[in-house]
């Protein structure tokens, strides 16, 4: 089942984000077959302030482990993390259901 993960960074954490970013991208690349979509959440100036990932998970606990094992989470970058089930209706500019 797909889950949306919305993780928002601690305030003023750009340096921490940059230091953890290579390990974060390696982690996601090693698990990309599970990801339906993912990328940075940006502020109005184009700076990354969080992450949005849609992951194919067995259940909520699996999705929570997925984000919990991410180097961004392990390194204390995130101020908040929400994990929510997702039902796809549109994808890539097309209605799917």
Protein backbone atom coordinates (compact mmCIF):
# COMPACT_ATOMS: atom_id res chain seq x y z
CA UNK A 1 0.00 0.00 0.00
CA UNK A 2 1.33 3.47 -0.78
CA UNK A 3 2.08 5.86 2.08
CA UNK A 4 2.88 9.56 1.88
CA UNK A 5 5.69 10.63 4.17
CA UNK A 6 5.93 14.35 4.88
CA UNK A 7 8.98 15.25 6.94
CA UNK A 8 9.78 18.86 7.84
CA UNK A 9 13.23 20.01 8.93
CA UNK A 10 14.27 21.62 12.18
CA UNK A 11 14.49 25.43 11.84
CA UNK A 12 17.77 26.78 10.46
CA UNK A 13 19.07 23.29 9.64
CA UNK A 14 20.56 23.93 6.17
CA UNK A 15 24.10 22.99 7.26
CA UNK A 16 22.89 19.76 8.87
CA UNK A 17 20.82 18.95 5.75
CA UNK A 18 23.83 19.46 3.48
CA UNK A 19 26.10 17.32 5.66
CA UNK A 20 23.60 14.42 5.67
CA UNK A 21 22.47 14.75 2.05
CA UNK A 22 24.97 12.33 0.40
CA UNK A 23 24.08 9.52 2.84
CA UNK A 24 20.35 10.33 2.46
CA UNK A 25 20.53 10.09 -1.35
CA UNK A 26 22.52 6.84 -1.14
CA UNK A 27 19.91 5.41 1.25
CA UNK A 28 17.04 6.31 -1.10
CA UNK A 29 18.90 5.11 -4.20
CA UNK A 30 19.39 1.70 -2.58
CA UNK A 31 15.62 1.53 -2.00
CA UNK A 32 14.33 3.27 -5.11
CA UNK A 33 12.29 0.25 -6.21
CA UNK A 34 10.00 0.97 -3.22
CA UNK A 35 9.55 4.67 -4.00
CA UNK A 36 6.73 5.92 -6.19
CA UNK A 37 7.90 9.54 -5.86
CA UNK A 38 10.12 11.63 -3.68
CA UNK A 39 11.83 14.97 -3.40
CA UNK A 40 12.54 18.01 -1.31
CA UNK A 41 9.84 20.31 0.03
CA UNK A 42 10.91 23.90 -0.66
CA UNK A 43 10.30 27.25 0.96
CA UNK A 44 9.28 30.28 -1.08
CA UNK A 45 12.96 31.01 -1.82
CA UNK A 46 13.63 27.55 -3.25
CA UNK A 47 15.51 26.22 -0.20
CA UNK A 48 14.85 22.68 0.95
CA UNK A 49 12.95 22.59 4.24
CA UNK A 50 11.76 19.00 4.26
CA UNK A 51 10.99 15.91 2.22
CA UNK A 52 7.96 14.29 0.62
CA UNK A 53 8.19 10.60 -0.23
CA UNK A 54 5.51 8.24 -1.50
CA UNK A 55 6.65 4.76 -0.60
CA UNK A 56 5.19 1.33 -1.32
CA UNK A 57 5.01 -0.24 2.14
CA UNK A 58 3.48 -3.34 3.69
CA UNK A 59 1.81 -1.25 6.41
CA UNK A 60 2.24 1.97 8.41
CA UNK A 61 4.96 0.43 10.59
CA UNK A 62 6.95 -0.46 7.46
CA UNK A 63 6.61 3.11 6.13
CA UNK A 64 7.65 4.48 9.53
CA UNK A 65 10.74 2.23 9.50
CA UNK A 66 11.53 3.41 5.98
CA UNK A 67 11.71 7.04 7.06
CA UNK A 68 13.12 6.26 10.50
CA UNK A 69 16.14 4.54 8.97
CA UNK A 70 16.83 7.46 6.61
CA UNK A 71 20.08 9.29 7.47
CA UNK A 72 18.13 12.57 7.63
CA UNK A 73 15.97 11.10 10.41
CA UNK A 74 18.88 9.33 12.10
CA UNK A 75 20.87 12.58 12.07
CA UNK A 76 18.11 14.59 13.76
CA UNK A 77 17.19 16.77 10.78
CA UNK A 78 13.43 16.37 11.00
CA UNK A 79 11.29 18.42 13.37
CA UNK A 80 8.17 16.48 12.38
CA UNK A 81 7.25 13.43 10.36
CA UNK A 82 3.76 12.46 9.18
CA UNK A 83 3.05 9.05 7.63
CA UNK A 84 -0.33 8.75 5.91
CA UNK A 85 -1.94 6.12 3.65
CA UNK A 86 -2.35 7.34 0.08
CA UNK A 87 -4.84 6.41 -2.61
CA UNK A 88 -3.69 7.35 -6.07
CA UNK A 89 -6.22 9.06 -8.34
CA UNK A 90 -3.91 10.99 -10.66
CA UNK A 91 -0.31 10.35 -11.68
CA UNK A 92 1.91 11.98 -14.29
CA UNK A 93 -0.89 14.29 -15.42
CA UNK A 94 -3.31 11.41 -15.93
CA UNK A 95 -6.28 10.10 -14.02
CA UNK A 96 -5.57 6.55 -12.89
CA UNK A 97 -8.80 5.64 -11.12
